[in-house]
Amino acid sequence: MLHILSSRYHFGPRIYGTFANGRIEEYFESVTLVPADIRNKKISRWIASRMAQLHSVDLTVIEGPFTIGALEGKSWEIGVKRNVKAWIPAAREVLALRHVPEAIRQTLNMDRFYELWMRYLRWVSHVEKIEGASQRVFAHNDTQYGNILKLTGPLRHDAPEYHQVFKQYLL
């Protein structure tokens, strides 16, 4: 997957080789973005452009045509619904431990989260009944300021300006 994203879509560093417990990849001179960077309109637009690129990756190239056809319109349920359903009980157990401060329990109110989560699922279901299944896209779930880098060295030749920002692997 990383080879395809690097070679075909020019996301992230070039992959020079992979082996059982790692890979050798291109090094980029870069800095980690901080919250103020992300609030910068120009950088924010660059990030949006990179996310649009990421969301337009042809999933059949990554996963193959059978997987896509079999899961179309259901994939968000397979990942997101399954993951949230799995971690809610574990989160409740941790929050029930004696040493967890009451302020933390109130801040991370799992009952309220669950109520909002269920409301969200009903909304998605309603929208998809009207507009059809949501398009399945390639995405990454931890795209936040600590995980986004900005090049400090030169861009690759013919690369658009917004390629200065990228996700620590993946982008």
N, C-alpha and C. Protein backbone atom coordinates (compact mmCIF):
# COMPACT_ATOMS: atom_id res chain seq x y z
N MET A 1 0.82 -1.18 0.00
CA MET A 1 0.00 0.00 0.00
C MET A 1 0.88 1.26 0.00
N LEU A 2 1.91 1.27 0.86
CA LEU A 2 2.78 2.45 0.92
C LEU A 2 3.52 2.67 -0.39
N HIS A 3 3.92 1.58 -1.06
CA HIS A 3 4.58 1.71 -2.37
C HIS A 3 3.63 2.36 -3.37
N ILE A 4 2.39 1.94 -3.40
CA ILE A 4 1.41 2.50 -4.34
C ILE A 4 1.17 3.96 -4.03
N LEU A 5 0.96 4.29 -2.76
CA LEU A 5 0.71 5.69 -2.40
C LEU A 5 1.90 6.57 -2.73
N SER A 6 3.09 6.05 -2.56
CA SER A 6 4.29 6.82 -2.85
C SER A 6 4.54 6.97 -4.35
N SER A 7 4.49 5.86 -5.08
CA SER A 7 4.85 5.91 -6.49
C SER A 7 3.74 6.45 -7.38
N ARG A 8 2.52 6.04 -7.16
CA ARG A 8 1.43 6.45 -8.04
C ARG A 8 0.83 7.80 -7.65
N TYR A 9 0.69 8.04 -6.35
CA TYR A 9 0.02 9.26 -5.89
C TYR A 9 0.96 10.30 -5.29
N HIS A 10 2.23 9.98 -5.15
CA HIS A 10 3.24 10.89 -4.61
C HIS A 10 2.91 11.37 -3.20
N PHE A 11 2.37 10.46 -2.40
CA PHE A 11 2.15 10.75 -0.99
C PHE A 11 3.37 10.27 -0.23
N GLY A 12 3.92 11.12 0.60
CA GLY A 12 4.99 10.71 1.48
C GLY A 12 6.28 10.40 0.76
N PRO A 13 7.21 9.83 1.51
CA PRO A 13 8.54 9.54 0.96
C PRO A 13 8.52 8.38 -0.01
N ARG A 14 9.52 8.37 -0.90
CA ARG A 14 9.69 7.20 -1.77
C ARG A 14 10.10 6.02 -0.89
N ILE A 15 9.60 4.87 -1.22
CA ILE A 15 9.96 3.65 -0.49
C ILE A 15 11.07 2.98 -1.28
N TYR A 16 12.24 2.83 -0.67
CA TYR A 16 13.37 2.21 -1.35
C TYR A 16 13.41 0.71 -1.14
N GLY A 17 12.84 0.24 -0.07
CA GLY A 17 12.81 -1.20 0.18
C GLY A 17 12.05 -1.52 1.44
N THR A 18 11.49 -2.70 1.49
CA THR A 18 10.79 -3.16 2.69
C THR A 18 11.35 -4.52 3.08
N PHE A 19 11.26 -4.83 4.35
CA PHE A 19 11.70 -6.11 4.85
C PHE A 19 10.80 -6.49 6.02
N ALA A 20 11.02 -7.63 6.63
CA ALA A 20 10.09 -8.20 7.61
C ALA A 20 9.72 -7.23 8.74
N ASN A 21 10.65 -6.45 9.23
CA ASN A 21 10.33 -5.59 10.37
C ASN A 21 10.56 -4.10 10.10
N GLY A 22 10.43 -3.68 8.86
CA GLY A 22 10.60 -2.26 8.58
C GLY A 22 10.69 -1.93 7.11
N ARG A 23 11.15 -0.70 6.85
CA ARG A 23 11.31 -0.24 5.48
C ARG A 23 12.40 0.83 5.43
N ILE A 24 12.94 1.04 4.24
CA ILE A 24 13.89 2.11 4.00
C ILE A 24 13.17 3.09 3.10
N GLU A 25 13.10 4.34 3.54
CA GLU A 25 12.37 5.34 2.78
C GLU A 25 13.15 6.64 2.70
N GLU A 26 12.72 7.47 1.78
CA GLU A 26 13.33 8.78 1.56
C GLU A 26 13.21 9.62 2.82
N TYR A 27 14.25 10.42 3.10
CA TYR A 27 14.24 11.32 4.24
C TYR A 27 13.84 12.71 3.77
N PHE A 28 12.95 13.35 4.51
CA PHE A 28 12.54 14.72 4.20
C PHE A 28 12.99 15.64 5.34
N GLU A 29 13.68 16.72 4.99
CA GLU A 29 13.94 17.77 5.98
C GLU A 29 12.59 18.43 6.23
N SER A 30 12.12 18.38 7.49
CA SER A 30 10.79 18.91 7.78
C SER A 30 10.66 19.26 9.25
N VAL A 31 9.58 19.96 9.56
CA VAL A 31 9.22 20.28 10.95
C VAL A 31 7.79 19.82 11.19
N THR A 32 7.51 19.50 12.43
CA THR A 32 6.15 19.11 12.81
C THR A 32 5.31 20.37 12.97
N LEU A 33 4.11 20.36 12.41
CA LEU A 33 3.23 21.51 12.56
C LEU A 33 2.70 21.60 13.99
N VAL A 34 2.49 22.82 14.43
CA VAL A 34 1.90 23.09 15.74
C VAL A 34 0.52 23.72 15.50
N PRO A 35 -0.31 23.84 16.54
CA PRO A 35 -1.66 24.39 16.33
C PRO A 35 -1.69 25.72 15.59
N ALA A 36 -0.75 26.61 15.88
CA ALA A 36 -0.74 27.91 15.18
C ALA A 36 -0.52 27.74 13.69
N ASP A 37 0.29 26.74 13.30
CA ASP A 37 0.51 26.48 11.87
C ASP A 37 -0.79 26.08 11.19
N ILE A 38 -1.54 25.23 11.83
CA ILE A 38 -2.77 24.73 11.22
C ILE A 38 -3.81 25.84 11.11
N ARG A 39 -3.73 26.81 11.98
CA ARG A 39 -4.66 27.95 11.91
C ARG A 39 -4.29 28.94 10.80
N ASN A 40 -3.09 28.81 10.27
CA ASN A 40 -2.65 29.65 9.16
C ASN A 40 -3.47 29.27 7.93
N LYS A 41 -4.13 30.26 7.32
CA LYS A 41 -5.05 29.96 6.21
C LYS A 41 -4.37 29.25 5.05
N LYS A 42 -3.17 29.66 4.72
CA LYS A 42 -2.47 29.05 3.60
C LYS A 42 -2.15 27.58 3.90
N ILE A 43 -1.59 27.32 5.07
CA ILE A 43 -1.25 25.95 5.44
C ILE A 43 -2.52 25.10 5.58
N SER A 44 -3.56 25.69 6.13
CA SER A 44 -4.83 24.97 6.25
C SER A 44 -5.37 24.56 4.88
N ARG A 45 -5.24 25.44 3.90
CA ARG A 45 -5.65 25.10 2.52
C ARG A 45 -4.78 23.99 1.95
N TRP A 46 -3.49 24.04 2.24
CA TRP A 46 -2.60 22.98 1.77
C TRP A 46 -3.03 21.63 2.34
N ILE A 47 -3.33 21.61 3.63
CA ILE A 47 -3.76 20.36 4.28
C ILE A 47 -5.05 19.87 3.64
N ALA A 48 -5.99 20.77 3.40
CA ALA A 48 -7.25 20.39 2.75
C ALA A 48 -7.00 19.81 1.36
N SER A 49 -6.07 20.39 0.63
CA SER A 49 -5.75 19.87 -0.71
C SER A 49 -5.16 18.47 -0.62
N ARG A 50 -4.28 18.25 0.35
CA ARG A 50 -3.69 16.92 0.51
C ARG A 50 -4.75 15.90 0.93
N MET A 51 -5.67 16.32 1.79
CA MET A 51 -6.74 15.40 2.21
C MET A 51 -7.65 15.07 1.03
N ALA A 52 -7.93 16.06 0.19
CA ALA A 52 -8.74 15.80 -1.01
C ALA A 52 -8.03 14.79 -1.90
N GLN A 53 -6.72 14.93 -2.05
CA GLN A 53 -5.95 13.96 -2.83
C GLN A 53 -6.05 12.57 -2.22
N LEU A 54 -5.86 12.51 -0.92
CA LEU A 54 -5.92 11.22 -0.23
C LEU A 54 -7.28 10.57 -0.41
N HIS A 55 -8.34 11.36 -0.29
CA HIS A 55 -9.69 10.82 -0.41
C HIS A 55 -10.04 10.42 -1.83
N SER A 56 -9.23 10.81 -2.80
CA SER A 56 -9.52 10.43 -4.19
C SER A 56 -8.66 9.26 -4.68
N VAL A 57 -7.91 8.63 -3.78
CA VAL A 57 -7.12 7.45 -4.15
C VAL A 57 -8.08 6.35 -4.61
N ASP A 58 -7.74 5.70 -5.71
CA ASP A 58 -8.55 4.61 -6.23
C ASP A 58 -8.37 3.39 -5.33
N LEU A 59 -9.39 3.08 -4.56
CA LEU A 59 -9.29 1.99 -3.60
C LEU A 59 -9.09 0.63 -4.25
N THR A 60 -9.54 0.47 -5.49
CA THR A 60 -9.34 -0.82 -6.14
C THR A 60 -7.85 -1.10 -6.37
N VAL A 61 -7.06 -0.03 -6.49
CA VAL A 61 -5.62 -0.21 -6.66
C VAL A 61 -5.00 -0.71 -5.35
N ILE A 62 -5.53 -0.24 -4.24
CA ILE A 62 -5.01 -0.61 -2.93
C ILE A 62 -5.52 -1.98 -2.49
N GLU A 63 -6.84 -2.20 -2.63
CA GLU A 63 -7.46 -3.39 -2.05
C GLU A 63 -7.92 -4.43 -3.06
N GLY A 64 -8.01 -4.07 -4.32
CA GLY A 64 -8.51 -5.01 -5.31
C GLY A 64 -10.00 -4.82 -5.52
N PRO A 65 -10.51 -5.17 -6.71
CA PRO A 65 -11.91 -4.90 -7.05
C PRO A 65 -12.92 -5.72 -6.25
N PHE A 66 -12.60 -6.94 -5.87
CA PHE A 66 -13.58 -7.76 -5.15
C PHE A 66 -13.94 -7.15 -3.81
N THR A 67 -12.93 -6.70 -3.09
CA THR A 67 -13.17 -6.12 -1.77
C THR A 67 -14.07 -4.90 -1.86
N ILE A 68 -13.78 -4.03 -2.81
CA ILE A 68 -14.56 -2.81 -2.94
C ILE A 68 -16.02 -3.12 -3.26
N GLY A 69 -16.26 -3.93 -4.26
CA GLY A 69 -17.64 -4.24 -4.63
C GLY A 69 -18.41 -4.91 -3.52
N ALA A 70 -17.74 -5.79 -2.80
CA ALA A 70 -18.40 -6.52 -1.72
C ALA A 70 -18.75 -5.63 -0.54
N LEU A 71 -18.00 -4.57 -0.35
CA LEU A 71 -18.20 -3.73 0.83
C LEU A 71 -18.85 -2.38 0.54
N GLU A 72 -19.07 -2.06 -0.72
CA GLU A 72 -19.57 -0.73 -1.07
C GLU A 72 -20.80 -0.38 -0.26
N GLY A 73 -20.76 0.78 0.39
CA GLY A 73 -21.88 1.25 1.18
C GLY A 73 -21.93 0.66 2.58
N LYS A 74 -21.06 -0.30 2.88
CA LYS A 74 -21.08 -0.94 4.19
C LYS A 74 -19.77 -0.75 4.92
N SER A 75 -18.76 -0.26 4.24
CA SER A 75 -17.41 -0.26 4.80
C SER A 75 -17.30 0.57 6.07
N TRP A 76 -18.00 1.70 6.15
CA TRP A 76 -17.89 2.51 7.36
C TRP A 76 -18.42 1.74 8.55
N GLU A 77 -19.41 0.89 8.32
CA GLU A 77 -19.94 0.07 9.41
C GLU A 77 -18.90 -0.94 9.86
N ILE A 78 -18.18 -1.50 8.91
CA ILE A 78 -17.20 -2.53 9.24
C ILE A 78 -16.09 -1.95 10.11
N GLY A 79 -15.59 -0.78 9.77
CA GLY A 79 -14.50 -0.19 10.53
C GLY A 79 -14.97 0.60 11.73
N VAL A 80 -15.63 1.70 11.49
CA VAL A 80 -15.97 2.63 12.55
C VAL A 80 -16.94 2.03 13.57
N LYS A 81 -18.05 1.51 13.10
CA LYS A 81 -19.03 0.96 14.05
C LYS A 81 -18.43 -0.17 14.88
N ARG A 82 -17.69 -1.04 14.22
CA ARG A 82 -17.09 -2.17 14.94
C ARG A 82 -16.07 -1.67 15.96
N ASN A 83 -15.25 -0.72 15.59
CA ASN A 83 -14.22 -0.23 16.50
C ASN A 83 -14.82 0.48 17.71
N VAL A 84 -15.78 1.36 17.48
CA VAL A 84 -16.39 2.07 18.60
C VAL A 84 -17.13 1.10 19.51
N LYS A 85 -17.85 0.17 18.91
CA LYS A 85 -18.56 -0.83 19.71
C LYS A 85 -17.58 -1.63 20.57
N ALA A 86 -16.40 -1.91 20.05
CA ALA A 86 -15.40 -2.69 20.78
C ALA A 86 -14.75 -1.89 21.90
N TRP A 87 -14.49 -0.59 21.69
CA TRP A 87 -13.74 0.14 22.73
C TRP A 87 -14.61 0.78 23.78
N ILE A 88 -15.90 0.95 23.56
CA ILE A 88 -16.75 1.56 24.59
C ILE A 88 -16.73 0.74 25.89
N PRO A 89 -16.92 -0.58 25.86
CA PRO A 89 -16.87 -1.33 27.13
C PRO A 89 -15.51 -1.20 27.83
N ALA A 90 -14.43 -1.23 27.06
CA ALA A 90 -13.10 -1.10 27.66
C ALA A 90 -12.93 0.30 28.28
N ALA A 91 -13.41 1.33 27.61
CA ALA A 91 -13.32 2.69 28.14
C ALA A 91 -14.13 2.81 29.43
N ARG A 92 -15.30 2.21 29.45
CA ARG A 92 -16.12 2.24 30.68
C ARG A 92 -15.39 1.55 31.84
N GLU A 93 -14.74 0.43 31.56
CA GLU A 93 -13.99 -0.29 32.60
C GLU A 93 -12.87 0.57 33.17
N VAL A 94 -12.12 1.21 32.28
CA VAL A 94 -11.01 2.05 32.73
C VAL A 94 -11.54 3.22 33.56
N LEU A 95 -12.60 3.85 33.10
CA LEU A 95 -13.15 5.00 33.83
C LEU A 95 -13.76 4.59 35.17
N ALA A 96 -14.11 3.33 35.33
CA ALA A 96 -14.68 2.85 36.59
C ALA A 96 -13.61 2.53 37.64
N LEU A 97 -12.35 2.52 37.25
CA LEU A 97 -11.28 2.23 38.20
C LEU A 97 -11.23 3.28 39.31
N ARG A 98 -10.90 2.83 40.53
CA ARG A 98 -10.92 3.71 41.71
C ARG A 98 -10.03 4.94 41.57
N HIS A 99 -8.89 4.79 40.94
CA HIS A 99 -7.93 5.90 40.86
C HIS A 99 -8.26 6.95 39.80
N VAL A 100 -9.28 6.72 39.00
CA VAL A 100 -9.65 7.71 37.98
C VAL A 100 -10.44 8.83 38.66
N PRO A 101 -9.96 10.05 38.58
CA PRO A 101 -10.66 11.17 39.23
C PRO A 101 -12.07 11.38 38.66
N GLU A 102 -12.95 11.80 39.52
CA GLU A 102 -14.34 12.05 39.11
C GLU A 102 -14.41 13.10 38.01
N ALA A 103 -13.53 14.08 38.05
CA ALA A 103 -13.53 15.12 37.01
C ALA A 103 -13.27 14.51 35.64
N ILE A 104 -12.39 13.51 35.58
CA ILE A 104 -12.10 12.83 34.31
C ILE A 104 -13.34 12.05 33.87
N ARG A 105 -13.97 11.35 34.80
CA ARG A 105 -15.19 10.59 34.46
C ARG A 105 -16.26 11.52 33.89
N GLN A 106 -16.39 12.69 34.48
CA GLN A 106 -17.41 13.63 33.99
C GLN A 106 -17.03 14.20 32.64
N THR A 107 -15.77 14.51 32.46
CA THR A 107 -15.31 15.04 31.17
C THR A 107 -15.48 14.01 30.06
N LEU A 108 -15.14 12.77 30.36
CA LEU A 108 -15.25 11.68 29.38
C LEU A 108 -16.54 10.90 29.62
N ASN A 109 -17.62 11.59 29.72
CA ASN A 109 -18.92 11.01 30.02
C ASN A 109 -19.32 10.00 28.95
N MET A 110 -19.11 8.72 29.25
CA MET A 110 -19.37 7.68 28.26
C MET A 110 -20.84 7.52 27.94
N ASP A 111 -21.71 7.77 28.92
CA ASP A 111 -23.15 7.70 28.63
C ASP A 111 -23.54 8.76 27.61
N ARG A 112 -23.04 9.96 27.80
CA ARG A 112 -23.33 11.05 26.85
C ARG A 112 -22.71 10.75 25.49
N PHE A 113 -21.47 10.26 25.48
CA PHE A 113 -20.83 9.90 24.22
C PHE A 113 -21.68 8.87 23.48
N TYR A 114 -22.09 7.83 24.19
CA TYR A 114 -22.87 6.77 23.56
C TYR A 114 -24.19 7.32 23.00
N GLU A 115 -24.83 8.19 23.75
CA GLU A 115 -26.08 8.81 23.27
C GLU A 115 -25.83 9.60 21.98
N LEU A 116 -24.77 10.41 21.96
CA LEU A 116 -24.45 11.18 20.75
C LEU A 116 -24.03 10.27 19.60
N TRP A 117 -23.30 9.21 19.90
CA TRP A 117 -22.88 8.25 18.88
C TRP A 117 -24.10 7.61 18.23
N MET A 118 -25.04 7.17 19.04
CA MET A 118 -26.24 6.55 18.49
C MET A 118 -27.06 7.54 17.65
N ARG A 119 -27.11 8.78 18.10
CA ARG A 119 -27.82 9.82 17.33
C ARG A 119 -27.11 10.03 15.98
N TYR A 120 -25.80 10.03 16.00
CA TYR A 120 -25.03 10.18 14.77
C TYR A 120 -25.31 9.01 13.82
N LEU A 121 -25.29 7.79 14.33
CA LEU A 121 -25.55 6.63 13.49
C LEU A 121 -26.95 6.69 12.87
N ARG A 122 -27.93 7.13 13.64
CA ARG A 122 -29.29 7.28 13.08
C ARG A 122 -29.31 8.34 11.98
N TRP A 123 -28.58 9.44 12.19
CA TRP A 123 -28.52 10.50 11.18
C TRP A 123 -27.88 9.98 9.89
N VAL A 124 -26.73 9.27 10.01
CA VAL A 124 -26.06 8.72 8.83
C VAL A 124 -27.00 7.76 8.10
N SER A 125 -27.67 6.92 8.84
CA SER A 125 -28.61 5.97 8.24
C SER A 125 -29.72 6.70 7.49
N HIS A 126 -30.25 7.74 8.09
CA HIS A 126 -31.31 8.53 7.46
C HIS A 126 -30.81 9.18 6.17
N VAL A 127 -29.65 9.81 6.22
CA VAL A 127 -29.08 10.47 5.04
C VAL A 127 -28.83 9.46 3.94
N GLU A 128 -28.29 8.29 4.30
CA GLU A 128 -27.98 7.28 3.27
C GLU A 128 -29.24 6.67 2.67
N LYS A 129 -30.34 6.64 3.41
CA LYS A 129 -31.60 6.16 2.83
C LYS A 129 -32.09 7.14 1.76
N ILE A 130 -31.85 8.41 1.98
CA ILE A 130 -32.30 9.44 1.05
C ILE A 130 -31.33 9.59 -0.13
N GLU A 131 -30.03 9.66 0.16
CA GLU A 131 -29.04 9.98 -0.86
C GLU A 131 -28.23 8.79 -1.37
N GLY A 132 -28.42 7.65 -0.78
CA GLY A 132 -27.64 6.47 -1.16
C GLY A 132 -26.44 6.32 -0.25
N ALA A 133 -25.77 5.19 -0.38
CA ALA A 133 -24.63 4.88 0.49
C ALA A 133 -23.51 5.90 0.32
N SER A 134 -22.84 6.20 1.40
CA SER A 134 -21.68 7.10 1.36
C SER A 134 -20.58 6.48 0.53
N GLN A 135 -19.88 7.33 -0.20
CA GLN A 135 -18.75 6.85 -1.00
C GLN A 135 -17.64 6.41 -0.05
N ARG A 136 -17.03 5.31 -0.36
CA ARG A 136 -15.92 4.80 0.42
C ARG A 136 -14.65 5.49 -0.05
N VAL A 137 -13.87 6.03 0.89
CA VAL A 137 -12.65 6.74 0.54
C VAL A 137 -11.48 6.23 1.37
N PHE A 138 -10.28 6.44 0.85
CA PHE A 138 -9.07 6.15 1.60
C PHE A 138 -8.84 7.33 2.53
N ALA A 139 -8.68 7.08 3.80
CA ALA A 139 -8.51 8.17 4.76
C ALA A 139 -7.55 7.73 5.87
N HIS A 140 -7.23 8.67 6.72
CA HIS A 140 -6.35 8.40 7.85
C HIS A 140 -6.95 9.07 9.06
N ASN A 141 -6.95 8.38 10.20
CA ASN A 141 -7.72 8.88 11.33
C ASN A 141 -6.93 9.67 12.36
N ASP A 142 -5.70 9.98 12.14
CA ASP A 142 -4.97 10.77 13.13
C ASP A 142 -4.26 11.97 12.48
N THR A 143 -4.96 12.60 11.56
CA THR A 143 -4.40 13.76 10.90
C THR A 143 -4.64 14.97 11.79
N GLN A 144 -3.67 15.25 12.61
CA GLN A 144 -3.73 16.38 13.53
C GLN A 144 -2.37 17.04 13.57
N TYR A 145 -2.27 18.19 14.22
CA TYR A 145 -1.06 18.99 14.12
C TYR A 145 0.22 18.24 14.48
N GLY A 146 0.22 17.38 15.44
CA GLY A 146 1.44 16.67 15.81
C GLY A 146 1.88 15.63 14.80
N ASN A 147 1.01 15.28 13.85
CA ASN A 147 1.31 14.25 12.87
C ASN A 147 1.47 14.79 11.46
N ILE A 148 1.38 16.08 11.29
CA ILE A 148 1.53 16.68 9.96
C ILE A 148 2.85 17.42 9.92
N LEU A 149 3.60 17.17 8.87
CA LEU A 149 4.91 17.78 8.71
C LEU A 149 4.89 18.81 7.58
N LYS A 150 5.81 19.75 7.67
CA LYS A 150 6.00 20.74 6.60
C LYS A 150 7.46 20.69 6.19
N LEU A 151 7.67 20.56 4.88
CA LEU A 151 9.03 20.51 4.37
C LEU A 151 9.78 21.79 4.71
N THR A 152 11.04 21.64 5.05
CA THR A 152 11.92 22.80 5.21
C THR A 152 12.94 22.82 4.08
N GLY A 153 13.06 21.70 3.39
CA GLY A 153 13.95 21.60 2.23
C GLY A 153 13.17 21.82 0.95
N PRO A 154 13.81 21.62 -0.19
CA PRO A 154 13.16 21.86 -1.47
C PRO A 154 12.08 20.83 -1.79
N LEU A 155 11.08 21.27 -2.56
CA LEU A 155 10.04 20.37 -3.06
C LEU A 155 10.61 19.53 -4.20
N ARG A 156 9.99 18.39 -4.43
CA ARG A 156 10.34 17.61 -5.63
C ARG A 156 10.04 18.47 -6.85
N HIS A 157 10.72 18.22 -7.95
CA HIS A 157 10.49 19.02 -9.16
C HIS A 157 9.03 18.89 -9.61
N ASP A 158 8.46 19.97 -10.08
CA ASP A 158 7.10 20.04 -10.59
C ASP A 158 6.02 19.74 -9.54
N ALA A 159 6.37 19.71 -8.26
CA ALA A 159 5.37 19.46 -7.22
C ALA A 159 4.63 20.75 -6.91
N PRO A 160 3.31 20.67 -6.74
CA PRO A 160 2.57 21.88 -6.35
C PRO A 160 2.98 22.36 -4.96
N GLU A 161 2.78 23.63 -4.70
CA GLU A 161 3.19 24.24 -3.43
C GLU A 161 2.61 23.51 -2.22
N TYR A 162 1.37 23.04 -2.33
CA TYR A 162 0.73 22.41 -1.17
C TYR A 162 1.35 21.06 -0.80
N HIS A 163 2.24 20.54 -1.64
CA HIS A 163 2.94 19.30 -1.29
C HIS A 163 3.99 19.53 -0.20
N GLN A 164 4.11 20.79 0.26
CA GLN A 164 5.01 21.08 1.38
C GLN A 164 4.51 20.44 2.67
N VAL A 165 3.20 20.13 2.74
CA VAL A 165 2.67 19.49 3.95
C VAL A 165 2.37 18.03 3.63
N PHE A 166 2.62 17.18 4.61
CA PHE A 166 2.34 15.76 4.44
C PHE A 166 2.20 15.11 5.81
N LYS A 167 1.56 13.98 5.80
CA LYS A 167 1.28 13.23 7.02
C LYS A 167 2.46 12.32 7.30
N GLN A 168 2.91 12.27 8.54
CA GLN A 168 3.93 11.30 8.92
C GLN A 168 3.28 9.97 8.72
N TYR A 169 3.98 9.16 8.20
CA TYR A 169 3.42 8.10 7.41
C TYR A 169 2.03 7.80 7.85
N LEU A 170 1.26 8.22 7.11
CA LEU A 170 0.99 7.94 5.73
C LEU A 170 1.38 9.04 4.75
N LEU A 171 0.99 10.25 4.93
CA LEU A 171 1.29 11.27 3.92
C LEU A 171 2.69 11.80 4.09
